[in-house]
Amino acid sequence: MRNLVVIEFLTVDGVMQGLGSPEEDTDGGFTHGGWGLPYAPAVHEAVADGPDRTTAYLFGRRTYEKMAAFWPHQPDDDPMARRLNRTPKHVATRTLTELAWEGATVLEGDLEPAVRVLKADGEGDVAVLGSGDLVHQLLLLDLVDQLRLFVHPLLLGTGKRLFRDLPAPRPLLLTASGTTSLGTLALTYDVVREP
């Protein structure tokens, strides 16, 4: 049985929009794209130091399209490119039928049963990167087992936030924490399920 692990990079005020570049996501007139670039070296160090139990990735359509346009063209000596390009990828989409990125497949059927099958198939972790709308749906369906959050020392005051309305409080258990040389908090929370 695999755990579903959400890995996100956000500001202190919870913004996840446009982490990597000015053009990445300008929805709603967002003009702060690329805000995460100054913190990238320290985050890469933090990620590289941890064990990688990821045996599959799960993306929403928009995140998949952005990642598929970049990562397959990166050299294999880049550890992140090597992981992403060699690991199976599943895409939750209602519009795409053909995926060009090697090892990527469309998640078949309704989200909840499809993700339950994905979690039941194998060992390790199914990692979700970005994909804010998908993460919200997964939280509503109580499918998320762990959150790995990289909280950067920055307030943007505007932009899409990771956590949105939930029907009830969701308790979390802090299982690991650390700080990068640039002040980013690396926090790991297990989702606590009521018996």
Protein backbone atom coordinates (compact mmCIF):
# COMPACT_ATOMS: atom_id res chain seq x y z
CA MET A 1 0.00 0.00 0.00
CA ARG A 2 1.36 3.41 -0.97
CA ASN A 3 0.92 6.72 0.81
CA LEU A 4 -0.36 9.75 -1.06
CA VAL A 5 2.07 12.57 -0.26
CA VAL A 6 1.43 16.18 -1.21
CA ILE A 7 4.66 18.15 -1.71
CA GLU A 8 4.18 21.91 -1.95
CA PHE A 9 6.21 25.09 -1.97
CA LEU A 10 4.44 28.10 -0.49
CA THR A 11 4.78 31.48 1.12
CA VAL A 12 4.04 32.11 4.79
CA ASP A 13 0.58 33.36 3.75
CA GLY A 14 -0.07 30.09 1.89
CA VAL A 15 0.37 31.25 -1.73
CA MET A 16 1.50 28.53 -4.13
CA GLN A 17 0.82 30.30 -7.44
CA GLY A 18 3.60 30.99 -9.92
CA LEU A 19 6.51 29.55 -7.96
CA GLY A 20 8.90 29.01 -10.85
CA SER A 21 8.59 31.79 -13.42
CA PRO A 22 6.72 35.02 -14.24
CA GLU A 23 4.70 33.23 -16.96
CA GLU A 24 3.94 30.06 -14.99
CA ASP A 25 0.46 31.04 -13.77
CA THR A 26 -0.93 34.53 -14.25
CA ASP A 27 -4.57 33.66 -13.47
CA GLY A 28 -6.41 36.50 -11.76
CA GLY A 29 -3.77 39.01 -12.89
CA PHE A 30 -1.08 37.45 -10.65
CA THR A 31 2.15 39.42 -11.18
CA HIS A 32 4.52 37.81 -8.66
CA GLY A 33 5.45 34.74 -10.69
CA GLY A 34 8.93 33.38 -10.05
CA TRP A 35 8.85 34.28 -6.35
CA GLY A 36 10.34 30.91 -5.39
CA LEU A 37 13.51 31.19 -7.48
CA PRO A 38 15.66 32.85 -4.78
CA TYR A 39 14.94 29.91 -2.44
CA ALA A 40 15.53 27.11 -4.97
CA PRO A 41 19.16 26.24 -4.04
CA ALA A 42 18.33 25.72 -0.37
CA VAL A 43 15.20 23.72 -1.16
CA HIS A 44 17.14 21.46 -3.55
CA GLU A 45 19.57 20.78 -0.70
CA ALA A 46 16.75 19.94 1.70
CA VAL A 47 15.03 17.65 -0.82
CA ALA A 48 18.28 15.94 -1.79
CA ASP A 49 19.09 15.15 1.84
CA GLY A 50 15.84 13.27 2.43
CA PRO A 51 15.11 9.72 1.37
CA ASP A 52 13.10 9.44 -1.82
CA ARG A 53 10.33 6.88 -1.44
CA THR A 54 8.43 8.14 -4.50
CA THR A 55 7.38 5.31 -6.80
CA ALA A 56 4.79 7.34 -8.78
CA TYR A 57 3.71 10.92 -9.36
CA LEU A 58 0.17 12.27 -9.65
CA PHE A 59 -0.46 15.57 -11.41
CA GLY A 60 -3.41 17.70 -12.38
CA ARG A 61 -3.61 18.59 -16.06
CA ARG A 62 -2.19 22.11 -15.85
CA THR A 63 0.78 21.10 -13.70
CA TYR A 64 1.43 18.11 -15.97
CA GLU A 65 1.50 20.32 -19.07
CA LYS A 66 3.96 22.75 -17.50
CA MET A 67 6.23 19.98 -16.21
CA ALA A 68 6.08 17.98 -19.45
CA ALA A 69 7.19 21.06 -21.39
CA PHE A 70 10.33 21.37 -19.24
CA TRP A 71 11.60 18.24 -17.48
CA PRO A 72 11.95 15.78 -20.38
CA HIS A 73 14.42 18.24 -21.96
CA GLN A 74 16.69 18.45 -18.90
CA PRO A 75 19.92 16.43 -18.65
CA ASP A 76 19.89 13.10 -16.83
CA ASP A 77 22.62 14.31 -14.48
CA ASP A 78 20.03 16.65 -12.90
CA PRO A 79 18.72 14.53 -9.98
CA MET A 80 15.20 15.99 -10.20
CA ALA A 81 15.01 15.44 -13.97
CA ARG A 82 16.24 11.88 -13.53
CA ARG A 83 13.57 11.15 -10.87
CA LEU A 84 10.72 12.75 -12.79
CA ASN A 85 11.65 11.27 -16.16
CA ARG A 86 12.18 7.72 -14.90
CA THR A 87 9.24 7.46 -12.48
CA PRO A 88 5.69 6.60 -13.62
CA LYS A 89 3.43 9.65 -13.82
CA HIS A 90 -0.38 9.68 -13.63
CA VAL A 91 -2.47 12.64 -14.74
CA ALA A 92 -5.95 13.43 -13.45
CA THR A 93 -7.57 15.00 -16.50
CA ARG A 94 -10.88 15.08 -18.30
CA THR A 95 -9.49 16.73 -21.42
CA LEU A 96 -6.19 15.03 -22.32
CA THR A 97 -6.20 11.62 -23.92
CA GLU A 98 -2.62 11.43 -25.26
CA LEU A 99 0.42 12.18 -23.10
CA ALA A 100 3.80 12.76 -24.71
CA TRP A 101 6.01 12.57 -21.60
CA GLU A 102 7.50 9.07 -21.40
CA GLY A 103 6.03 7.08 -18.52
CA ALA A 104 2.93 9.31 -18.22
CA THR A 105 -0.60 7.88 -18.34
CA VAL A 106 -4.07 9.32 -17.90
CA LEU A 107 -5.70 8.37 -14.61
CA GLU A 108 -8.74 6.37 -15.75
CA GLY A 109 -12.22 6.80 -14.32
CA ASP A 110 -13.48 8.87 -11.42
CA LEU A 111 -10.87 10.43 -9.18
CA GLU A 112 -11.62 8.71 -5.87
CA PRO A 113 -11.64 5.05 -7.01
CA ALA A 114 -8.76 5.65 -9.42
CA VAL A 115 -6.55 7.12 -6.69
CA ARG A 116 -7.50 4.34 -4.27
CA VAL A 117 -6.34 1.80 -6.88
CA LEU A 118 -3.13 3.78 -7.44
CA LYS A 119 -2.42 3.82 -3.70
CA ALA A 120 -3.13 0.08 -3.36
CA ASP A 121 -0.77 -0.80 -6.21
CA GLY A 122 2.77 -1.11 -4.87
CA GLU A 123 4.98 0.30 -2.13
CA GLY A 124 6.46 3.71 -1.39
CA ASP A 125 4.76 7.04 -2.04
CA VAL A 126 2.59 8.55 -4.72
CA ALA A 127 3.75 12.18 -4.78
CA VAL A 128 1.61 15.11 -5.85
CA LEU A 129 3.56 18.23 -6.88
CA GLY A 130 1.77 21.54 -7.36
CA SER A 131 -1.70 20.77 -8.74
CA GLY A 132 -3.60 22.97 -6.26
CA ASP A 133 -7.09 22.14 -7.57
CA LEU A 134 -6.31 18.43 -7.51
CA VAL A 135 -4.89 18.66 -3.97
CA HIS A 136 -8.07 20.35 -2.80
CA GLN A 137 -10.17 17.52 -4.27
CA LEU A 138 -7.91 14.89 -2.72
CA LEU A 139 -8.24 16.54 0.69
CA LEU A 140 -12.03 16.66 0.35
CA LEU A 141 -12.01 12.93 -0.49
CA ASP A 142 -9.71 12.18 2.49
CA LEU A 143 -7.11 10.57 0.22
CA VAL A 144 -4.05 12.53 1.39
CA ASP A 145 -1.80 10.72 3.89
CA GLN A 146 1.01 13.23 4.30
CA LEU A 147 1.85 16.87 3.59
CA ARG A 148 5.44 17.95 2.95
CA LEU A 149 5.43 21.71 2.95
CA PHE A 150 8.31 24.05 2.14
CA VAL A 151 7.25 27.39 3.61
CA HIS A 152 9.33 30.27 2.28
CA PRO A 153 9.94 33.42 4.36
CA LEU A 154 7.82 35.66 2.15
CA LEU A 155 4.39 37.30 2.24
CA LEU A 156 2.76 37.98 -1.13
CA GLY A 157 -0.70 39.03 0.02
CA THR A 158 -2.28 37.83 -3.23
CA GLY A 159 -2.46 34.67 -5.30
CA LYS A 160 -3.87 31.16 -5.17
CA ARG A 161 -3.58 29.50 -1.82
CA LEU A 162 -3.04 25.82 -1.23
CA PHE A 163 -5.59 25.35 1.54
CA ARG A 164 -9.19 26.33 0.84
CA ASP A 165 -12.55 25.64 2.38
CA LEU A 166 -12.84 22.21 3.97
CA PRO A 167 -16.07 20.83 5.41
CA ALA A 168 -14.45 20.09 8.78
CA PRO A 169 -11.14 20.66 10.61
CA ARG A 170 -8.40 18.25 9.61
CA PRO A 171 -5.93 17.37 12.39
CA LEU A 172 -2.28 16.97 11.42
CA LEU A 173 0.69 15.44 13.24
CA LEU A 174 4.08 17.09 12.75
CA THR A 175 6.57 14.27 12.09
CA ALA A 176 9.62 16.19 10.83
CA SER A 177 10.85 19.77 10.56
CA GLY A 178 13.91 21.65 9.49
CA THR A 179 15.13 24.99 8.21
CA THR A 180 17.19 25.70 5.11
CA SER A 181 20.07 28.17 5.03
CA LEU A 182 17.70 30.75 3.45
CA GLY A 183 15.03 30.42 6.12
CA THR A 184 12.61 28.10 4.36
CA LEU A 185 10.82 25.77 6.77
CA ALA A 186 10.62 22.13 5.69
CA LEU A 187 7.62 20.62 7.48
CA THR A 188 6.21 17.11 7.25
CA TYR A 189 2.72 16.41 8.58
CA ASP A 190 0.84 13.14 8.68
CA VAL A 191 -2.92 13.48 8.22
CA VAL A 192 -4.61 12.19 11.37
CA ARG A 193 -7.68 10.09 10.67
CA GLU A 194 -10.29 9.77 13.37
CA PRO A 195 -10.97 6.12 14.35
